[in-house]
Amino acid sequence: QVQLVESGGGLVQTGGSLRLSCAASGMPFSANGMGWYRQAPGKQRAWVATISIDGTTNYADSVKGRFTISRDNAKNTVWLQMNSLKPEDTAVYYCNVWPLYARALGYWGQGTQVTVSS
């Protein structure tokens, strides 16, 4: 079965950086676009950054210029480099395929908590 395992979260001060990793297994990784999503307390999960199979990236306006998504198909891994972190970036971060198709709704992992202190 598909497994997505996120790691790299933690507590950081405003302006700090973190690098999140997502290891995928049980799926044709190179044949899927991938995305990072986040869910803040009391809010719905929302996409943050996406990377297509050809490496084209896209970012939510709130993180543009601060976050960078990348992937390594040989390692079945996608990363999210987060710089200039703000308190509003505090959330649980998840990776999943992009675009999300129906079957992928069952792929969500445990996520990784990012907390940015002011």
N, C-alpha and C. Protein backbone atom coordinates (compact mmCIF):
# COMPACT_ATOMS: atom_id res chain seq x y z
N GLN A 1 0.83 -1.18 0.00
CA GLN A 1 0.00 0.00 0.00
C GLN A 1 0.88 1.25 0.00
N VAL A 2 0.27 2.36 -0.36
CA VAL A 2 1.01 3.61 -0.40
C VAL A 2 1.30 4.09 1.01
N GLN A 3 2.56 4.50 1.20
CA GLN A 3 2.95 5.11 2.47
C GLN A 3 3.67 6.42 2.19
N LEU A 4 3.26 7.44 2.91
CA LEU A 4 3.91 8.74 2.84
C LEU A 4 4.36 9.08 4.26
N VAL A 5 5.66 9.27 4.43
CA VAL A 5 6.20 9.52 5.76
C VAL A 5 6.91 10.86 5.77
N GLU A 6 6.31 11.81 6.50
CA GLU A 6 6.87 13.15 6.59
C GLU A 6 7.77 13.27 7.82
N SER A 7 8.79 14.10 7.70
CA SER A 7 9.70 14.33 8.82
C SER A 7 10.34 15.70 8.66
N GLY A 8 10.99 16.15 9.73
CA GLY A 8 11.74 17.40 9.67
C GLY A 8 11.10 18.58 10.36
N GLY A 9 9.90 18.40 10.87
CA GLY A 9 9.25 19.51 11.55
C GLY A 9 9.90 19.80 12.90
N GLY A 10 9.43 20.85 13.53
CA GLY A 10 9.96 21.20 14.83
C GLY A 10 9.53 22.58 15.25
N LEU A 11 10.15 23.07 16.30
CA LEU A 11 9.88 24.40 16.84
C LEU A 11 11.01 25.33 16.40
N VAL A 12 10.64 26.44 15.82
CA VAL A 12 11.63 27.39 15.32
C VAL A 12 11.13 28.80 15.59
N GLN A 13 12.07 29.71 15.73
CA GLN A 13 11.68 31.10 15.94
C GLN A 13 11.35 31.78 14.62
N THR A 14 10.61 32.87 14.72
CA THR A 14 10.30 33.66 13.53
C THR A 14 11.58 34.01 12.79
N GLY A 15 11.54 33.82 11.48
CA GLY A 15 12.70 34.07 10.65
C GLY A 15 13.60 32.88 10.44
N GLY A 16 13.33 31.81 11.14
CA GLY A 16 14.14 30.62 11.03
C GLY A 16 13.80 29.78 9.82
N SER A 17 14.48 28.63 9.71
CA SER A 17 14.30 27.74 8.57
C SER A 17 14.12 26.31 9.03
N LEU A 18 13.42 25.55 8.22
CA LEU A 18 13.27 24.11 8.40
C LEU A 18 13.24 23.47 7.02
N ARG A 19 13.66 22.22 6.97
CA ARG A 19 13.55 21.45 5.73
C ARG A 19 12.77 20.18 6.02
N LEU A 20 11.62 20.08 5.37
CA LEU A 20 10.76 18.92 5.54
C LEU A 20 11.07 17.89 4.46
N SER A 21 10.95 16.63 4.84
CA SER A 21 11.14 15.53 3.90
C SER A 21 9.91 14.65 3.87
N CYS A 22 9.67 14.05 2.73
CA CYS A 22 8.56 13.10 2.58
C CYS A 22 9.06 11.92 1.77
N ALA A 23 9.08 10.77 2.39
CA ALA A 23 9.48 9.54 1.72
C ALA A 23 8.25 8.77 1.29
N ALA A 24 8.16 8.47 0.02
CA ALA A 24 7.01 7.77 -0.53
C ALA A 24 7.37 6.33 -0.89
N SER A 25 6.42 5.44 -0.70
CA SER A 25 6.61 4.06 -1.11
C SER A 25 5.27 3.49 -1.54
N GLY A 26 5.33 2.40 -2.33
CA GLY A 26 4.11 1.74 -2.76
C GLY A 26 3.37 2.44 -3.89
N MET A 27 4.03 3.38 -4.54
CA MET A 27 3.39 4.11 -5.63
C MET A 27 4.43 4.43 -6.70
N PRO A 28 3.98 4.66 -7.94
CA PRO A 28 4.91 5.07 -9.00
C PRO A 28 5.26 6.54 -8.84
N PHE A 29 6.24 6.81 -7.97
CA PHE A 29 6.55 8.17 -7.56
C PHE A 29 6.83 9.09 -8.76
N SER A 30 7.64 8.64 -9.67
CA SER A 30 8.05 9.50 -10.78
C SER A 30 6.90 9.82 -11.73
N ALA A 31 5.82 9.08 -11.62
CA ALA A 31 4.66 9.29 -12.50
C ALA A 31 3.61 10.19 -11.87
N ASN A 32 3.90 10.71 -10.70
CA ASN A 32 2.95 11.54 -9.99
C ASN A 32 3.51 12.92 -9.68
N GLY A 33 2.69 13.95 -9.89
CA GLY A 33 3.01 15.22 -9.29
C GLY A 33 2.89 15.07 -7.78
N MET A 34 3.64 15.87 -7.06
CA MET A 34 3.61 15.80 -5.60
C MET A 34 3.37 17.18 -5.03
N GLY A 35 2.81 17.19 -3.83
CA GLY A 35 2.52 18.46 -3.20
C GLY A 35 2.73 18.42 -1.71
N TRP A 36 2.95 19.58 -1.15
CA TRP A 36 2.95 19.76 0.30
C TRP A 36 1.67 20.52 0.66
N TYR A 37 1.07 20.09 1.74
CA TYR A 37 -0.16 20.66 2.23
C TYR A 37 0.02 20.95 3.72
N ARG A 38 -0.80 21.83 4.24
CA ARG A 38 -0.71 22.08 5.68
C ARG A 38 -2.09 22.33 6.25
N GLN A 39 -2.19 22.01 7.53
CA GLN A 39 -3.45 22.24 8.25
C GLN A 39 -3.13 22.92 9.55
N ALA A 40 -3.60 24.15 9.68
CA ALA A 40 -3.42 24.91 10.91
C ALA A 40 -4.60 24.62 11.83
N PRO A 41 -4.45 24.85 13.12
CA PRO A 41 -5.54 24.59 14.06
C PRO A 41 -6.80 25.35 13.67
N GLY A 42 -7.91 24.62 13.60
CA GLY A 42 -9.18 25.24 13.29
C GLY A 42 -9.38 25.58 11.83
N LYS A 43 -8.46 25.17 10.98
CA LYS A 43 -8.58 25.49 9.55
C LYS A 43 -8.55 24.21 8.72
N GLN A 44 -9.01 24.33 7.50
CA GLN A 44 -8.98 23.20 6.59
C GLN A 44 -7.58 23.01 6.02
N ARG A 45 -7.30 21.77 5.63
CA ARG A 45 -6.03 21.49 4.99
C ARG A 45 -5.97 22.23 3.66
N ALA A 46 -4.81 22.81 3.35
CA ALA A 46 -4.66 23.59 2.12
C ALA A 46 -3.31 23.29 1.49
N TRP A 47 -3.26 23.41 0.17
CA TRP A 47 -1.99 23.16 -0.49
C TRP A 47 -1.04 24.31 -0.27
N VAL A 48 0.23 23.99 -0.25
CA VAL A 48 1.28 24.96 -0.01
C VAL A 48 2.19 25.08 -1.23
N ALA A 49 2.60 23.94 -1.75
CA ALA A 49 3.52 23.94 -2.88
C ALA A 49 3.33 22.64 -3.64
N THR A 50 3.52 22.71 -4.95
CA THR A 50 3.39 21.52 -5.77
C THR A 50 4.56 21.43 -6.75
N ILE A 51 4.85 20.20 -7.16
CA ILE A 51 5.88 19.98 -8.17
C ILE A 51 5.39 18.90 -9.12
N SER A 52 5.39 19.21 -10.39
CA SER A 52 4.87 18.27 -11.37
C SER A 52 5.94 17.25 -11.74
N ILE A 53 5.55 16.29 -12.60
CA ILE A 53 6.49 15.24 -12.97
C ILE A 53 7.65 15.80 -13.79
N ASP A 54 7.47 16.96 -14.40
CA ASP A 54 8.58 17.55 -15.16
C ASP A 54 9.34 18.59 -14.34
N GLY A 55 8.99 18.71 -13.08
CA GLY A 55 9.72 19.61 -12.19
C GLY A 55 9.15 21.01 -12.09
N THR A 56 8.06 21.28 -12.77
CA THR A 56 7.43 22.59 -12.66
C THR A 56 6.86 22.78 -11.26
N THR A 57 7.16 23.92 -10.66
CA THR A 57 6.71 24.17 -9.30
C THR A 57 5.67 25.28 -9.25
N ASN A 58 4.88 25.24 -8.18
CA ASN A 58 3.87 26.25 -7.98
C ASN A 58 3.71 26.43 -6.47
N TYR A 59 3.45 27.66 -6.05
CA TYR A 59 3.40 27.97 -4.63
C TYR A 59 2.16 28.80 -4.29
N ALA A 60 1.64 28.56 -3.11
CA ALA A 60 0.59 29.42 -2.60
C ALA A 60 1.18 30.81 -2.39
N ASP A 61 0.36 31.83 -2.58
CA ASP A 61 0.86 33.20 -2.46
C ASP A 61 1.50 33.46 -1.09
N SER A 62 0.97 32.82 -0.07
CA SER A 62 1.44 33.08 1.29
C SER A 62 2.87 32.60 1.53
N VAL A 63 3.37 31.71 0.69
CA VAL A 63 4.72 31.16 0.90
C VAL A 63 5.66 31.45 -0.25
N LYS A 64 5.15 32.08 -1.27
CA LYS A 64 5.97 32.34 -2.46
C LYS A 64 7.19 33.18 -2.07
N GLY A 65 8.34 32.76 -2.56
CA GLY A 65 9.57 33.48 -2.25
C GLY A 65 10.24 33.03 -0.96
N ARG A 66 9.54 32.24 -0.16
CA ARG A 66 10.10 31.77 1.11
C ARG A 66 10.29 30.24 1.13
N PHE A 67 9.42 29.52 0.46
CA PHE A 67 9.46 28.06 0.45
C PHE A 67 9.91 27.56 -0.92
N THR A 68 10.59 26.43 -0.92
CA THR A 68 11.03 25.79 -2.15
C THR A 68 10.75 24.29 -2.08
N ILE A 69 10.02 23.80 -3.08
CA ILE A 69 9.74 22.38 -3.15
C ILE A 69 10.69 21.75 -4.16
N SER A 70 11.14 20.54 -3.87
CA SER A 70 12.02 19.82 -4.79
C SER A 70 11.76 18.32 -4.64
N ARG A 71 12.25 17.56 -5.59
CA ARG A 71 12.01 16.12 -5.55
C ARG A 71 13.21 15.38 -6.12
N ASP A 72 13.36 14.13 -5.70
CA ASP A 72 14.37 13.24 -6.26
C ASP A 72 13.67 11.92 -6.56
N ASN A 73 13.42 11.66 -7.82
CA ASN A 73 12.68 10.46 -8.19
C ASN A 73 13.46 9.18 -7.86
N ALA A 74 14.78 9.26 -7.88
CA ALA A 74 15.58 8.08 -7.55
C ALA A 74 15.43 7.69 -6.08
N LYS A 75 15.12 8.68 -5.25
CA LYS A 75 14.97 8.44 -3.82
C LYS A 75 13.51 8.41 -3.38
N ASN A 76 12.59 8.58 -4.33
CA ASN A 76 11.16 8.64 -3.99
C ASN A 76 10.91 9.62 -2.84
N THR A 77 11.53 10.77 -2.93
CA THR A 77 11.46 11.75 -1.85
C THR A 77 11.15 13.14 -2.41
N VAL A 78 10.35 13.86 -1.66
CA VAL A 78 10.06 15.26 -1.97
C VAL A 78 10.39 16.07 -0.71
N TRP A 79 10.95 17.25 -0.93
CA TRP A 79 11.35 18.11 0.18
C TRP A 79 10.62 19.45 0.13
N LEU A 80 10.58 20.11 1.26
CA LEU A 80 10.08 21.47 1.33
C LEU A 80 11.05 22.27 2.18
N GLN A 81 11.80 23.14 1.54
CA GLN A 81 12.69 24.04 2.25
C GLN A 81 11.90 25.28 2.62
N MET A 82 11.87 25.56 3.91
CA MET A 82 11.07 26.69 4.41
C MET A 82 12.00 27.70 5.07
N ASN A 83 12.03 28.88 4.51
CA ASN A 83 12.87 29.96 5.04
C ASN A 83 11.99 31.12 5.49
N SER A 84 12.58 32.00 6.28
CA SER A 84 11.86 33.20 6.75
C SER A 84 10.51 32.83 7.33
N LEU A 85 10.50 31.84 8.19
CA LEU A 85 9.25 31.34 8.74
C LEU A 85 8.55 32.38 9.60
N LYS A 86 7.23 32.32 9.55
CA LYS A 86 6.37 33.25 10.28
C LYS A 86 5.45 32.45 11.21
N PRO A 87 4.95 33.08 12.26
CA PRO A 87 4.01 32.35 13.14
C PRO A 87 2.82 31.77 12.39
N GLU A 88 2.37 32.44 11.35
CA GLU A 88 1.22 31.94 10.59
C GLU A 88 1.55 30.70 9.76
N ASP A 89 2.81 30.31 9.71
CA ASP A 89 3.18 29.06 9.06
C ASP A 89 3.00 27.86 9.98
N THR A 90 2.68 28.11 11.24
CA THR A 90 2.47 27.03 12.19
C THR A 90 1.31 26.14 11.74
N ALA A 91 1.60 24.86 11.60
CA ALA A 91 0.61 23.91 11.10
C ALA A 91 1.22 22.51 11.11
N VAL A 92 0.38 21.53 10.85
CA VAL A 92 0.87 20.19 10.54
C VAL A 92 1.02 20.12 9.02
N TYR A 93 2.19 19.71 8.58
CA TYR A 93 2.50 19.66 7.16
C TYR A 93 2.45 18.21 6.67
N TYR A 94 1.82 18.04 5.53
CA TYR A 94 1.64 16.73 4.91
C TYR A 94 2.11 16.78 3.46
N CYS A 95 2.52 15.64 2.96
CA CYS A 95 2.74 15.53 1.52
C CYS A 95 1.71 14.55 0.96
N ASN A 96 1.48 14.68 -0.31
CA ASN A 96 0.58 13.78 -1.01
C ASN A 96 0.76 14.04 -2.50
N VAL A 97 0.09 13.26 -3.29
CA VAL A 97 0.18 13.48 -4.73
C VAL A 97 -0.52 14.79 -5.07
N TRP A 98 -0.20 15.32 -6.23
CA TRP A 98 -0.88 16.50 -6.76
C TRP A 98 -1.03 16.31 -8.26
N PRO A 99 -2.19 16.56 -8.81
CA PRO A 99 -3.40 16.90 -8.06
C PRO A 99 -3.93 15.70 -7.28
N LEU A 100 -4.69 16.00 -6.27
CA LEU A 100 -5.26 14.96 -5.43
C LEU A 100 -6.37 14.24 -6.19
N TYR A 101 -6.21 12.96 -6.44
CA TYR A 101 -7.29 12.19 -7.01
C TYR A 101 -7.95 11.40 -5.89
N ALA A 102 -9.11 10.86 -6.19
CA ALA A 102 -9.95 10.27 -5.14
C ALA A 102 -9.19 9.24 -4.30
N ARG A 103 -8.47 8.36 -4.97
CA ARG A 103 -7.78 7.30 -4.23
C ARG A 103 -6.71 7.87 -3.29
N ALA A 104 -6.16 9.02 -3.65
CA ALA A 104 -5.10 9.63 -2.85
C ALA A 104 -5.59 10.16 -1.52
N LEU A 105 -6.89 10.30 -1.39
CA LEU A 105 -7.42 10.75 -0.11
C LEU A 105 -7.12 9.74 0.99
N GLY A 106 -6.80 8.51 0.61
CA GLY A 106 -6.42 7.51 1.59
C GLY A 106 -4.92 7.41 1.81
N TYR A 107 -4.17 8.29 1.19
CA TYR A 107 -2.72 8.23 1.28
C TYR A 107 -2.13 9.07 2.42
N TRP A 108 -2.92 9.94 3.02
CA TRP A 108 -2.35 10.87 3.99
C TRP A 108 -1.55 10.14 5.07
N GLY A 109 -0.37 10.69 5.37
CA GLY A 109 0.44 10.18 6.45
C GLY A 109 0.13 10.89 7.75
N GLN A 110 1.06 10.79 8.69
CA GLN A 110 0.82 11.38 10.00
C GLN A 110 1.15 12.86 10.03
N GLY A 111 1.87 13.31 9.02
CA GLY A 111 2.25 14.71 8.97
C GLY A 111 3.40 15.01 9.91
N THR A 112 3.89 16.23 9.81
CA THR A 112 4.96 16.68 10.71
C THR A 112 4.62 18.08 11.21
N GLN A 113 4.73 18.29 12.49
CA GLN A 113 4.31 19.54 13.11
C GLN A 113 5.40 20.60 12.95
N VAL A 114 4.99 21.75 12.49
CA VAL A 114 5.87 22.91 12.42
C VAL A 114 5.27 24.00 13.30
N THR A 115 6.05 24.46 14.24
CA THR A 115 5.61 25.52 15.13
C THR A 115 6.62 26.66 15.07
N VAL A 116 6.09 27.83 14.74
CA VAL A 116 6.95 29.02 14.64
C VAL A 116 6.58 29.96 15.77
N SER A 117 7.51 30.23 16.63
CA SER A 117 7.26 31.12 17.77
C SER A 117 7.60 32.56 17.41
N SER A 118 6.83 33.46 18.00
CA SER A 118 7.04 34.88 17.70
C SER A 118 8.03 35.50 18.68
